[in-house]
Amino acid sequence: MSSPNHLKLNQLQKEIEQLRIKMVKTANKHGYTSQESIRISQELDYLLNVYQSLVSDEKELCSKHCYY
């Protein structure tokens, strides 16, 4: 059974990939230092931090409750 964090991780992975593609397209069109590229990059950084936090929580939860 999937945990709520696992479901959030899957959704975040999709959002991160979509935003990454948008960032690359924006950077190619407007430059890597354009305000729009920087804004998208910061948003991507935020999502990656959230993702990493959820992964850490998932690993900690599993280490306490998963038996192999």
N, C-alpha and C. Protein backbone atom coordinates (compact mmCIF):
# COMPACT_ATOMS: atom_id res chain seq x y z
N MET A 1 0.83 -1.18 0.00
CA MET A 1 0.00 0.00 0.00
C MET A 1 0.88 1.25 0.00
N SER A 2 0.53 2.23 -0.77
CA SER A 2 1.31 3.46 -0.87
C SER A 2 1.00 4.38 0.30
N SER A 3 2.05 4.99 0.81
CA SER A 3 1.86 5.97 1.88
C SER A 3 1.46 7.30 1.25
N PRO A 4 0.89 8.20 2.04
CA PRO A 4 0.56 9.53 1.51
C PRO A 4 1.79 10.24 0.95
N ASN A 5 2.94 10.07 1.62
CA ASN A 5 4.17 10.69 1.11
C ASN A 5 4.56 10.12 -0.24
N HIS A 6 4.36 8.82 -0.42
CA HIS A 6 4.72 8.19 -1.69
C HIS A 6 3.88 8.78 -2.82
N LEU A 7 2.60 9.00 -2.56
CA LEU A 7 1.73 9.61 -3.57
C LEU A 7 2.16 11.04 -3.86
N LYS A 8 2.53 11.78 -2.81
CA LYS A 8 3.02 13.14 -3.00
C LYS A 8 4.32 13.15 -3.80
N LEU A 9 5.17 12.17 -3.54
CA LEU A 9 6.44 12.07 -4.27
C LEU A 9 6.20 11.89 -5.76
N ASN A 10 5.27 11.03 -6.10
CA ASN A 10 4.96 10.80 -7.52
C ASN A 10 4.46 12.07 -8.18
N GLN A 11 3.57 12.79 -7.51
CA GLN A 11 3.05 14.03 -8.07
C GLN A 11 4.16 15.08 -8.18
N LEU A 12 4.99 15.18 -7.16
CA LEU A 12 6.09 16.13 -7.20
C LEU A 12 7.07 15.82 -8.32
N GLN A 13 7.35 14.55 -8.55
CA GLN A 13 8.25 14.16 -9.64
C GLN A 13 7.72 14.69 -10.97
N LYS A 14 6.43 14.56 -11.18
CA LYS A 14 5.82 15.05 -12.43
C LYS A 14 5.94 16.57 -12.53
N GLU A 15 5.63 17.26 -11.43
CA GLU A 15 5.71 18.72 -11.43
C GLU A 15 7.14 19.20 -11.65
N ILE A 16 8.09 18.53 -11.02
CA ILE A 16 9.50 18.89 -11.16
C ILE A 16 9.95 18.72 -12.60
N GLU A 17 9.58 17.62 -13.21
CA GLU A 17 9.99 17.38 -14.60
C GLU A 17 9.37 18.42 -15.54
N GLN A 18 8.09 18.73 -15.34
CA GLN A 18 7.44 19.74 -16.18
C GLN A 18 8.09 21.11 -16.01
N LEU A 19 8.40 21.46 -14.78
CA LEU A 19 9.03 22.75 -14.51
C LEU A 19 10.45 22.80 -15.05
N ARG A 20 11.16 21.68 -14.96
CA ARG A 20 12.52 21.61 -15.50
C ARG A 20 12.50 21.87 -17.01
N ILE A 21 11.57 21.25 -17.70
CA ILE A 21 11.45 21.45 -19.15
C ILE A 21 11.12 22.91 -19.45
N LYS A 22 10.19 23.48 -18.67
CA LYS A 22 9.82 24.89 -18.86
C LYS A 22 11.02 25.80 -18.63
N MET A 23 11.82 25.49 -17.61
CA MET A 23 12.99 26.31 -17.31
C MET A 23 14.00 26.28 -18.46
N VAL A 24 14.26 25.10 -18.99
CA VAL A 24 15.22 24.97 -20.09
C VAL A 24 14.72 25.74 -21.31
N LYS A 25 13.44 25.60 -21.63
CA LYS A 25 12.89 26.33 -22.78
C LYS A 25 12.98 27.84 -22.57
N THR A 26 12.64 28.28 -21.37
CA THR A 26 12.70 29.71 -21.06
C THR A 26 14.13 30.22 -21.13
N ALA A 27 15.05 29.47 -20.57
CA ALA A 27 16.46 29.87 -20.58
C ALA A 27 17.00 29.93 -22.00
N ASN A 28 16.61 28.98 -22.83
CA ASN A 28 17.07 28.98 -24.22
C ASN A 28 16.50 30.17 -24.99
N LYS A 29 15.29 30.57 -24.65
CA LYS A 29 14.64 31.68 -25.35
C LYS A 29 15.07 33.05 -24.82
N HIS A 30 15.17 33.18 -23.49
CA HIS A 30 15.40 34.49 -22.88
C HIS A 30 16.76 34.63 -22.20
N GLY A 31 17.51 33.54 -22.12
CA GLY A 31 18.81 33.56 -21.45
C GLY A 31 18.70 33.02 -20.04
N TYR A 32 19.80 32.46 -19.58
CA TYR A 32 19.82 31.83 -18.26
C TYR A 32 19.74 32.82 -17.11
N THR A 33 20.05 34.08 -17.36
CA THR A 33 20.00 35.08 -16.30
C THR A 33 18.78 35.99 -16.40
N SER A 34 17.84 35.66 -17.28
CA SER A 34 16.63 36.46 -17.38
C SER A 34 15.81 36.30 -16.10
N GLN A 35 15.02 37.30 -15.79
CA GLN A 35 14.18 37.26 -14.58
C GLN A 35 13.25 36.04 -14.59
N GLU A 36 12.69 35.74 -15.74
CA GLU A 36 11.77 34.60 -15.86
C GLU A 36 12.50 33.28 -15.61
N SER A 37 13.69 33.13 -16.17
CA SER A 37 14.48 31.91 -15.95
C SER A 37 14.83 31.76 -14.48
N ILE A 38 15.22 32.86 -13.85
CA ILE A 38 15.59 32.83 -12.43
C ILE A 38 14.37 32.49 -11.57
N ARG A 39 13.23 33.08 -11.89
CA ARG A 39 12.01 32.79 -11.13
C ARG A 39 11.65 31.31 -11.21
N ILE A 40 11.70 30.75 -12.41
CA ILE A 40 11.38 29.34 -12.59
C ILE A 40 12.41 28.47 -11.88
N SER A 41 13.67 28.85 -11.96
CA SER A 41 14.73 28.11 -11.28
C SER A 41 14.50 28.09 -9.76
N GLN A 42 14.10 29.22 -9.21
CA GLN A 42 13.83 29.29 -7.77
C GLN A 42 12.63 28.43 -7.39
N GLU A 43 11.62 28.43 -8.23
CA GLU A 43 10.45 27.58 -7.99
C GLU A 43 10.85 26.10 -8.06
N LEU A 44 11.70 25.78 -9.01
CA LEU A 44 12.20 24.41 -9.14
C LEU A 44 13.03 24.02 -7.92
N ASP A 45 13.88 24.92 -7.46
CA ASP A 45 14.66 24.67 -6.24
C ASP A 45 13.74 24.35 -5.06
N TYR A 46 12.68 25.13 -4.93
CA TYR A 46 11.73 24.91 -3.83
C TYR A 46 11.11 23.51 -3.93
N LEU A 47 10.64 23.15 -5.12
CA LEU A 47 10.03 21.82 -5.29
C LEU A 47 11.02 20.71 -5.02
N LEU A 48 12.26 20.90 -5.44
CA LEU A 48 13.29 19.88 -5.18
C LEU A 48 13.57 19.75 -3.69
N ASN A 49 13.55 20.86 -2.97
CA ASN A 49 13.73 20.80 -1.51
C ASN A 49 12.56 20.08 -0.84
N VAL A 50 11.35 20.35 -1.28
CA VAL A 50 10.18 19.66 -0.75
C VAL A 50 10.29 18.17 -1.04
N TYR A 51 10.67 17.83 -2.26
CA TYR A 51 10.82 16.43 -2.65
C TYR A 51 11.85 15.73 -1.76
N GLN A 52 13.00 16.37 -1.58
CA GLN A 52 14.05 15.77 -0.76
C GLN A 52 13.59 15.58 0.68
N SER A 53 12.85 16.52 1.19
CA SER A 53 12.32 16.40 2.55
C SER A 53 11.36 15.22 2.66
N LEU A 54 10.50 15.05 1.68
CA LEU A 54 9.57 13.92 1.68
C LEU A 54 10.31 12.59 1.56
N VAL A 55 11.35 12.55 0.74
CA VAL A 55 12.15 11.33 0.60
C VAL A 55 12.79 10.99 1.95
N SER A 56 13.32 11.98 2.63
CA SER A 56 13.93 11.75 3.94
C SER A 56 12.90 11.23 4.94
N ASP A 57 11.72 11.83 4.93
CA ASP A 57 10.65 11.38 5.82
C ASP A 57 10.26 9.94 5.52
N GLU A 58 10.16 9.63 4.24
CA GLU A 58 9.78 8.27 3.81
C GLU A 58 10.83 7.26 4.26
N LYS A 59 12.11 7.60 4.10
CA LYS A 59 13.18 6.69 4.51
C LYS A 59 13.17 6.49 6.02
N GLU A 60 12.95 7.57 6.76
CA GLU A 60 12.92 7.48 8.21
C GLU A 60 11.74 6.62 8.67
N LEU A 61 10.58 6.83 8.08
CA LEU A 61 9.40 6.05 8.41
C LEU A 61 9.63 4.58 8.12
N CYS A 62 10.19 4.30 6.97
CA CYS A 62 10.44 2.91 6.58
C CYS A 62 11.47 2.26 7.49
N SER A 63 12.48 2.99 7.88
CA SER A 63 13.51 2.41 8.75
C SER A 63 12.93 2.02 10.11
N LYS A 64 11.85 2.68 10.50
CA LYS A 64 11.21 2.36 11.78
C LYS A 64 10.15 1.27 11.66
N HIS A 65 9.52 1.15 10.47
CA HIS A 65 8.35 0.29 10.36
C HIS A 65 8.43 -0.78 9.28
N CYS A 66 9.44 -0.77 8.46
CA CYS A 66 9.54 -1.75 7.38
C CYS A 66 10.41 -2.92 7.82
N TYR A 67 9.94 -4.09 7.53
CA TYR A 67 10.70 -5.30 7.87
C TYR A 67 10.91 -6.09 6.59
N TYR A 68 12.12 -6.54 6.41
CA TYR A 68 12.46 -7.26 5.17
C TYR A 68 12.67 -8.71 5.45
